[in-house]
């Protein structure tokens, strides 16, 4: 099979003043929600998801990409796939995006 594409999306932050997001922020401000719960709620909020757009396509995996995760500074991205490989991408800027490491995980099924 051909290489699957890992699509990175960025968020267009205009127009985030929907009532759902304000409620999430209010819960954090009043101490009802923890910082991590607020972070999770905002990351998965529909008002943000509808504003995602394609920024860059990264090609390396031979199977469907099942999960991606950024490091805390946003400079490294890890992706895992049905091909049982993990790829670590360096993401300094659009022009500098590149594969840093790729390795077999030892899994016998997709990850």
C-alpha atoms as a PDB file:
ATOM      1  CA  UNK A   1       0.000   0.000   0.000  1.00  0.00           C
ATOM      2  CA  UNK A   2       1.034   3.598  -0.584  1.00  0.00           C
ATOM      3  CA  UNK A   3       2.214   5.967   2.077  1.00  0.00           C
ATOM      4  CA  UNK A   4      -0.516   7.467   4.242  1.00  0.00           C
ATOM      5  CA  UNK A   5      -0.420  11.169   4.930  1.00  0.00           C
ATOM      6  CA  UNK A   6      -0.242  12.719   8.359  1.00  0.00           C
ATOM      7  CA  UNK A   7      -2.119  15.947   8.125  1.00  0.00           C
ATOM      8  CA  UNK A   8      -1.299  18.678  10.552  1.00  0.00           C
ATOM      9  CA  UNK A   9      -3.943  21.241  11.155  1.00  0.00           C
ATOM     10  CA  UNK A  10      -3.733  24.669  12.593  1.00  0.00           C
ATOM     11  CA  UNK A  11      -6.475  26.642  14.178  1.00  0.00           C
ATOM     12  CA  UNK A  12      -7.794  29.911  12.840  1.00  0.00           C
ATOM     13  CA  UNK A  13      -8.370  31.653  16.163  1.00  0.00           C
ATOM     14  CA  UNK A  14     -10.827  34.278  14.862  1.00  0.00           C
ATOM     15  CA  UNK A  15     -14.368  34.185  16.185  1.00  0.00           C
ATOM     16  CA  UNK A  16     -13.854  32.106  19.341  1.00  0.00           C
ATOM     17  CA  UNK A  17     -16.413  33.991  21.396  1.00  0.00           C
ATOM     18  CA  UNK A  18     -19.074  31.284  21.266  1.00  0.00           C
ATOM     19  CA  UNK A  19     -21.007  30.674  24.503  1.00  0.00           C
ATOM     20  CA  UNK A  20     -19.526  27.194  24.941  1.00  0.00           C
ATOM     21  CA  UNK A  21     -15.954  28.421  25.109  1.00  0.00           C
ATOM     22  CA  UNK A  22     -16.869  31.279  27.417  1.00  0.00           C
ATOM     23  CA  UNK A  23     -18.501  28.777  29.785  1.00  0.00           C
ATOM     24  CA  UNK A  24     -15.359  26.602  29.775  1.00  0.00           C
ATOM     25  CA  UNK A  25     -13.194  29.626  30.573  1.00  0.00           C
ATOM     26  CA  UNK A  26     -15.599  30.797  33.268  1.00  0.00           C
ATOM     27  CA  UNK A  27     -15.423  27.388  34.968  1.00  0.00           C
ATOM     28  CA  UNK A  28     -11.619  27.672  35.033  1.00  0.00           C
ATOM     29  CA  UNK A  29     -11.655  31.265  36.282  1.00  0.00           C
ATOM     30  CA  UNK A  30     -13.999  30.407  39.172  1.00  0.00           C
ATOM     31  CA  UNK A  31     -11.977  27.326  40.165  1.00  0.00           C
ATOM     32  CA  UNK A  32     -14.680  24.816  39.207  1.00  0.00           C
ATOM     33  CA  UNK A  33     -12.412  23.214  36.599  1.00  0.00           C
ATOM     34  CA  UNK A  34      -8.701  22.387  36.887  1.00  0.00           C
ATOM     35  CA  UNK A  35      -6.191  23.695  34.340  1.00  0.00           C
ATOM     36  CA  UNK A  36      -5.823  20.250  32.763  1.00  0.00           C
ATOM     37  CA  UNK A  37      -9.616  19.775  32.462  1.00  0.00           C
ATOM     38  CA  UNK A  38      -9.913  23.225  30.908  1.00  0.00           C
ATOM     39  CA  UNK A  39      -7.096  22.416  28.486  1.00  0.00           C
ATOM     40  CA  UNK A  40      -8.817  19.158  27.464  1.00  0.00           C
ATOM     41  CA  UNK A  41     -12.188  20.853  27.063  1.00  0.00           C
ATOM     42  CA  UNK A  42     -10.759  23.597  24.881  1.00  0.00           C
ATOM     43  CA  UNK A  43      -8.717  21.205  22.711  1.00  0.00           C
ATOM     44  CA  UNK A  44     -11.774  19.151  21.837  1.00  0.00           C
ATOM     45  CA  UNK A  45     -14.332  21.969  21.684  1.00  0.00           C
ATOM     46  CA  UNK A  46     -16.452  21.984  18.524  1.00  0.00           C
ATOM     47  CA  UNK A  47     -15.995  25.740  18.046  1.00  0.00           C
ATOM     48  CA  UNK A  48     -12.262  25.147  17.627  1.00  0.00           C
ATOM     49  CA  UNK A  49     -12.508  21.974  15.549  1.00  0.00           C
ATOM     50  CA  UNK A  50     -14.623  23.615  12.838  1.00  0.00           C
ATOM     51  CA  UNK A  51     -11.848  26.173  12.312  1.00  0.00           C
ATOM     52  CA  UNK A  52      -9.112  23.618  11.560  1.00  0.00           C
ATOM     53  CA  UNK A  53      -7.408  23.826   8.194  1.00  0.00           C
ATOM     54  CA  UNK A  54      -4.631  21.907   6.480  1.00  0.00           C
ATOM     55  CA  UNK A  55      -1.204  23.317   7.212  1.00  0.00           C
ATOM     56  CA  UNK A  56       1.254  20.606   6.127  1.00  0.00           C
ATOM     57  CA  UNK A  57       1.236  16.996   4.940  1.00  0.00           C
ATOM     58  CA  UNK A  58       3.875  14.687   6.388  1.00  0.00           C
ATOM     59  CA  UNK A  59       4.420  11.391   4.579  1.00  0.00           C
ATOM     60  CA  UNK A  60       6.179   8.427   6.149  1.00  0.00           C
ATOM     61  CA  UNK A  61       3.764   5.812   7.506  1.00  0.00           C
ATOM     62  CA  UNK A  62       2.683   2.754   5.516  1.00  0.00           C
ATOM     63  CA  UNK A  63      -0.603   2.476   7.395  1.00  0.00           C
ATOM     64  CA  UNK A  64      -3.402   4.573   8.822  1.00  0.00           C
ATOM     65  CA  UNK A  65      -2.190   7.085  11.430  1.00  0.00           C
ATOM     66  CA  UNK A  66      -4.096   6.457  14.654  1.00  0.00           C
ATOM     67  CA  UNK A  67      -2.660   9.018  17.056  1.00  0.00           C
ATOM     68  CA  UNK A  68      -0.494  12.128  17.126  1.00  0.00           C
ATOM     69  CA  UNK A  69       0.857  14.036  20.099  1.00  0.00           C
ATOM     70  CA  UNK A  70       2.826  17.277  20.454  1.00  0.00           C
ATOM     71  CA  UNK A  71       5.518  17.833  23.055  1.00  0.00           C
ATOM     72  CA  UNK A  72       4.916  20.624  25.582  1.00  0.00           C
ATOM     73  CA  UNK A  73       6.760  23.261  23.517  1.00  0.00           C
ATOM     74  CA  UNK A  74       5.119  22.395  20.186  1.00  0.00           C
ATOM     75  CA  UNK A  75       8.420  21.666  18.453  1.00  0.00           C
ATOM     76  CA  UNK A  76       8.125  17.857  18.182  1.00  0.00           C
ATOM     77  CA  UNK A  77       5.235  15.752  16.964  1.00  0.00           C
ATOM     78  CA  UNK A  78       4.995  11.981  17.489  1.00  0.00           C
ATOM     79  CA  UNK A  79       2.758   9.855  15.247  1.00  0.00           C
ATOM     80  CA  UNK A  80       1.884   6.149  15.489  1.00  0.00           C
ATOM     81  CA  UNK A  81       0.245   4.012  12.871  1.00  0.00           C
ATOM     82  CA  UNK A  82      -1.152   0.667  11.725  1.00  0.00           C
ATOM     83  CA  UNK A  83       2.356  -0.050  10.394  1.00  0.00           C
ATOM     84  CA  UNK A  84       3.496  -0.388  14.068  1.00  0.00           C
ATOM     85  CA  UNK A  85       6.020   2.438  13.650  1.00  0.00           C
ATOM     86  CA  UNK A  86       6.480   5.632  15.606  1.00  0.00           C
ATOM     87  CA  UNK A  87       7.680   8.750  13.825  1.00  0.00           C
ATOM     88  CA  UNK A  88       8.983  11.854  15.543  1.00  0.00           C
ATOM     89  CA  UNK A  89       8.787  15.031  13.517  1.00  0.00           C
ATOM     90  CA  UNK A  90      10.768  18.217  14.138  1.00  0.00           C
ATOM     91  CA  UNK A  91       8.441  21.150  13.610  1.00  0.00           C
ATOM     92  CA  UNK A  92      10.326  24.417  13.994  1.00  0.00           C
ATOM     93  CA  UNK A  93       8.371  26.163  11.245  1.00  0.00           C
ATOM     94  CA  UNK A  94       6.534  25.214   8.070  1.00  0.00           C
ATOM     95  CA  UNK A  95       9.699  25.238   5.974  1.00  0.00           C
ATOM     96  CA  UNK A  96      11.733  23.345   8.581  1.00  0.00           C
ATOM     97  CA  UNK A  97       9.339  20.451   9.228  1.00  0.00           C
ATOM     98  CA  UNK A  98      11.179  17.174   8.896  1.00  0.00           C
ATOM     99  CA  UNK A  99      11.259  13.593  10.103  1.00  0.00           C
ATOM    100  CA  UNK A 100      13.683  13.340  13.042  1.00  0.00           C
ATOM    101  CA  UNK A 101      13.279   9.655  13.957  1.00  0.00           C
ATOM    102  CA  UNK A 102      11.320   6.636  12.800  1.00  0.00           C
ATOM    103  CA  UNK A 103      11.394   3.320  14.604  1.00  0.00           C
ATOM    104  CA  UNK A 104       9.569   0.005  14.901  1.00  0.00           C
ATOM    105  CA  UNK A 105       7.709  -0.173  18.209  1.00  0.00           C
ATOM    106  CA  UNK A 106       7.719  -3.947  18.578  1.00  0.00           C
ATOM    107  CA  UNK A 107       3.911  -4.098  18.541  1.00  0.00           C
ATOM    108  CA  UNK A 108       2.380  -6.957  16.582  1.00  0.00           C
ATOM    109  CA  UNK A 109      -0.842  -5.027  15.911  1.00  0.00           C
ATOM    110  CA  UNK A 110      -1.659  -1.478  15.010  1.00  0.00           C
ATOM    111  CA  UNK A 111      -1.053   1.244  17.580  1.00  0.00           C
END
